[in-house]
N, C-alpha and C. Protein backbone atom coordinates (compact mmCIF):
# COMPACT_ATOMS: atom_id res chain seq x y z
N SER A 1 0.83 -1.19 0.00
CA SER A 1 -0.01 0.01 -0.01
C SER A 1 0.87 1.23 0.00
N GLU A 2 0.47 2.22 -0.72
CA GLU A 2 1.18 3.51 -0.74
C GLU A 2 1.07 4.19 0.62
N ARG A 3 -0.07 4.03 1.26
CA ARG A 3 -0.34 4.69 2.54
C ARG A 3 -0.58 3.63 3.60
N LEU A 4 0.05 3.81 4.73
CA LEU A 4 -0.18 2.86 5.82
C LEU A 4 -1.56 3.11 6.42
N PRO A 5 -2.32 2.07 6.62
CA PRO A 5 -3.64 2.25 7.25
C PRO A 5 -3.49 2.68 8.71
N SER A 6 -4.44 3.46 9.17
CA SER A 6 -4.39 3.89 10.57
C SER A 6 -4.79 2.73 11.49
N LEU A 7 -4.50 2.90 12.74
CA LEU A 7 -4.88 1.86 13.72
C LEU A 7 -6.39 1.69 13.73
N SER A 8 -7.13 2.77 13.59
CA SER A 8 -8.59 2.69 13.56
C SER A 8 -9.07 1.89 12.34
N GLU A 9 -8.45 2.10 11.19
CA GLU A 9 -8.84 1.37 9.99
C GLU A 9 -8.54 -0.12 10.15
N LEU A 10 -7.40 -0.46 10.69
CA LEU A 10 -7.05 -1.86 10.92
C LEU A 10 -8.02 -2.50 11.88
N ALA A 11 -8.31 -1.79 12.98
CA ALA A 11 -9.21 -2.31 13.98
C ALA A 11 -10.62 -2.54 13.42
N ALA A 12 -11.08 -1.58 12.61
CA ALA A 12 -12.41 -1.71 12.01
C ALA A 12 -12.47 -2.93 11.08
N ALA A 13 -11.40 -3.16 10.34
CA ALA A 13 -11.37 -4.33 9.44
C ALA A 13 -11.42 -5.63 10.22
N ALA A 14 -10.88 -5.61 11.43
CA ALA A 14 -10.87 -6.81 12.27
C ALA A 14 -12.08 -6.86 13.22
N HIS A 15 -12.95 -5.87 13.14
CA HIS A 15 -14.13 -5.77 13.98
C HIS A 15 -13.77 -5.72 15.45
N MET A 16 -12.80 -4.88 15.77
CA MET A 16 -12.35 -4.68 17.15
C MET A 16 -12.19 -3.18 17.42
N SER A 17 -12.11 -2.84 18.69
CA SER A 17 -11.80 -1.45 19.03
C SER A 17 -10.30 -1.25 18.78
N PRO A 18 -9.87 -0.02 18.53
CA PRO A 18 -8.45 0.22 18.30
C PRO A 18 -7.54 -0.25 19.42
N SER A 19 -7.95 -0.02 20.67
CA SER A 19 -7.10 -0.42 21.79
C SER A 19 -7.00 -1.95 21.88
N HIS A 20 -8.13 -2.63 21.69
CA HIS A 20 -8.13 -4.10 21.76
C HIS A 20 -7.29 -4.68 20.59
N PHE A 21 -7.48 -4.13 19.40
CA PHE A 21 -6.70 -4.59 18.25
C PHE A 21 -5.21 -4.42 18.53
N HIS A 22 -4.81 -3.26 19.04
CA HIS A 22 -3.40 -2.98 19.34
C HIS A 22 -2.85 -4.01 20.32
N ARG A 23 -3.59 -4.28 21.39
CA ARG A 23 -3.15 -5.25 22.40
C ARG A 23 -3.03 -6.64 21.80
N MET A 24 -4.03 -7.06 21.02
CA MET A 24 -4.02 -8.39 20.43
C MET A 24 -2.88 -8.54 19.40
N PHE A 25 -2.69 -7.52 18.60
CA PHE A 25 -1.62 -7.53 17.59
C PHE A 25 -0.27 -7.71 18.29
N LYS A 26 -0.03 -6.88 19.30
CA LYS A 26 1.26 -6.95 20.02
C LYS A 26 1.42 -8.28 20.75
N ALA A 27 0.37 -8.78 21.32
CA ALA A 27 0.44 -10.06 22.03
C ALA A 27 0.74 -11.20 21.06
N THR A 28 0.19 -11.13 19.85
CA THR A 28 0.36 -12.18 18.87
C THR A 28 1.71 -12.12 18.17
N LEU A 29 2.10 -10.92 17.74
CA LEU A 29 3.32 -10.79 16.93
C LEU A 29 4.53 -10.27 17.71
N GLY A 30 4.30 -9.71 18.88
CA GLY A 30 5.41 -9.22 19.69
C GLY A 30 5.84 -7.80 19.37
N VAL A 31 5.20 -7.16 18.42
CA VAL A 31 5.50 -5.77 18.04
C VAL A 31 4.19 -5.04 17.80
N THR A 32 4.23 -3.74 17.83
CA THR A 32 3.05 -2.94 17.55
C THR A 32 2.79 -2.91 16.04
N PRO A 33 1.58 -2.57 15.63
CA PRO A 33 1.31 -2.46 14.19
C PRO A 33 2.25 -1.49 13.49
N ARG A 34 2.57 -0.38 14.12
CA ARG A 34 3.47 0.59 13.52
C ARG A 34 4.88 0.03 13.35
N ALA A 35 5.37 -0.66 14.36
CA ALA A 35 6.70 -1.27 14.27
C ALA A 35 6.73 -2.36 13.20
N TYR A 36 5.65 -3.12 13.07
CA TYR A 36 5.54 -4.16 12.04
C TYR A 36 5.62 -3.52 10.66
N ALA A 37 4.89 -2.44 10.46
CA ALA A 37 4.87 -1.75 9.16
C ALA A 37 6.27 -1.16 8.87
N ALA A 38 6.90 -0.60 9.88
CA ALA A 38 8.24 0.00 9.69
C ALA A 38 9.25 -1.09 9.32
N ALA A 39 9.15 -2.24 9.94
CA ALA A 39 10.08 -3.33 9.60
C ALA A 39 9.87 -3.82 8.18
N GLY A 40 8.61 -3.87 7.74
CA GLY A 40 8.33 -4.28 6.35
C GLY A 40 8.86 -3.28 5.36
N ARG A 41 8.70 -2.01 5.67
CA ARG A 41 9.21 -0.96 4.79
C ARG A 41 10.74 -0.99 4.74
N ALA A 42 11.39 -1.22 5.86
CA ALA A 42 12.86 -1.33 5.89
C ALA A 42 13.34 -2.55 5.11
N ARG A 43 12.60 -3.65 5.22
CA ARG A 43 12.94 -4.85 4.44
C ARG A 43 12.84 -4.58 2.94
N ARG A 44 11.73 -3.93 2.54
CA ARG A 44 11.60 -3.58 1.12
C ARG A 44 12.70 -2.63 0.66
N ALA A 45 13.13 -1.71 1.52
CA ALA A 45 14.20 -0.79 1.16
C ALA A 45 15.50 -1.54 0.97
N ARG A 46 15.81 -2.47 1.86
CA ARG A 46 17.05 -3.27 1.70
C ARG A 46 17.04 -4.04 0.40
N GLN A 47 15.91 -4.64 0.07
CA GLN A 47 15.81 -5.44 -1.16
C GLN A 47 15.92 -4.53 -2.40
N THR A 48 15.25 -3.42 -2.36
CA THR A 48 15.24 -2.50 -3.51
C THR A 48 16.61 -1.85 -3.72
N LEU A 49 17.30 -1.54 -2.63
CA LEU A 49 18.63 -0.94 -2.77
C LEU A 49 19.61 -1.84 -3.50
N LYS A 50 19.41 -3.15 -3.41
CA LYS A 50 20.29 -4.10 -4.09
C LYS A 50 20.10 -4.09 -5.61
N THR A 51 18.92 -3.73 -6.07
CA THR A 51 18.63 -3.84 -7.49
C THR A 51 18.40 -2.49 -8.19
N THR A 52 18.42 -1.43 -7.45
CA THR A 52 18.13 -0.12 -8.02
C THR A 52 19.38 0.76 -7.97
N PRO A 53 19.73 1.41 -9.07
CA PRO A 53 20.94 2.24 -9.08
C PRO A 53 20.78 3.55 -8.29
N SER A 54 19.56 3.97 -7.99
CA SER A 54 19.32 5.24 -7.32
C SER A 54 18.70 5.02 -5.94
N VAL A 55 19.31 5.63 -4.94
CA VAL A 55 18.78 5.54 -3.59
C VAL A 55 17.39 6.20 -3.54
N THR A 56 17.24 7.31 -4.24
CA THR A 56 15.96 8.00 -4.25
C THR A 56 14.86 7.11 -4.81
N HIS A 57 15.13 6.43 -5.89
CA HIS A 57 14.14 5.51 -6.48
C HIS A 57 13.86 4.39 -5.50
N ALA A 58 14.86 3.85 -4.87
CA ALA A 58 14.68 2.73 -3.93
C ALA A 58 13.82 3.14 -2.74
N LEU A 59 14.06 4.32 -2.19
CA LEU A 59 13.29 4.71 -1.01
C LEU A 59 11.83 4.96 -1.38
N HIS A 60 11.55 5.50 -2.55
CA HIS A 60 10.16 5.69 -2.95
C HIS A 60 9.50 4.35 -3.25
N GLU A 61 10.23 3.43 -3.87
CA GLU A 61 9.69 2.10 -4.14
C GLU A 61 9.34 1.36 -2.84
N ALA A 62 10.13 1.61 -1.80
CA ALA A 62 9.91 0.94 -0.51
C ALA A 62 8.74 1.54 0.27
N GLY A 63 8.29 2.73 -0.14
CA GLY A 63 7.14 3.33 0.53
C GLY A 63 7.44 4.54 1.38
N TYR A 64 8.66 5.04 1.34
CA TYR A 64 8.99 6.25 2.08
C TYR A 64 8.50 7.48 1.32
N ASP A 65 7.96 8.45 2.04
CA ASP A 65 7.46 9.65 1.41
C ASP A 65 8.55 10.64 1.05
N SER A 66 9.64 10.59 1.83
CA SER A 66 10.71 11.56 1.59
C SER A 66 12.05 10.95 1.98
N SER A 67 13.11 11.58 1.50
CA SER A 67 14.44 11.09 1.86
C SER A 67 14.72 11.26 3.35
N SER A 68 14.20 12.30 3.95
CA SER A 68 14.45 12.50 5.38
C SER A 68 13.79 11.40 6.19
N ALA A 69 12.59 10.95 5.79
CA ALA A 69 11.95 9.84 6.51
C ALA A 69 12.78 8.55 6.34
N PHE A 70 13.29 8.34 5.13
CA PHE A 70 14.12 7.17 4.86
C PHE A 70 15.36 7.19 5.73
N TYR A 71 16.08 8.31 5.72
CA TYR A 71 17.34 8.37 6.46
C TYR A 71 17.11 8.31 7.98
N ALA A 72 15.98 8.83 8.46
CA ALA A 72 15.68 8.71 9.89
C ALA A 72 15.49 7.23 10.26
N ASP A 73 14.77 6.48 9.42
CA ASP A 73 14.56 5.07 9.68
C ASP A 73 15.81 4.26 9.38
N ALA A 74 16.56 4.64 8.36
CA ALA A 74 17.73 3.86 7.93
C ALA A 74 18.77 3.76 9.02
N THR A 75 18.93 4.81 9.79
CA THR A 75 19.93 4.76 10.87
C THR A 75 19.54 3.73 11.92
N LYS A 76 18.26 3.52 12.12
CA LYS A 76 17.78 2.53 13.09
C LYS A 76 17.63 1.16 12.47
N ALA A 77 17.00 1.08 11.32
CA ALA A 77 16.60 -0.20 10.75
C ALA A 77 17.69 -0.86 9.90
N LEU A 78 18.43 -0.08 9.19
CA LEU A 78 19.40 -0.65 8.25
C LEU A 78 20.81 -0.72 8.80
N GLY A 79 21.04 -0.04 9.87
CA GLY A 79 22.38 -0.08 10.48
C GLY A 79 23.36 0.87 9.85
């Protein structure tokens, strides 16, 4: 998805309240929905960086809105 769904949207799709969905998601997967999405985006960035000659193209392909968002996450997620 180009846009990450909000916690309310995810909870509505699962027919739960946002707080209950958040608790169940974290209990099941061990991370919050936001952290799960960030890890997926970082994984896509790592894969795309291997095959794309441009960092700018790779970060947009991975779902980052801007280079500053990518570099903020890259220091944490990519090492």
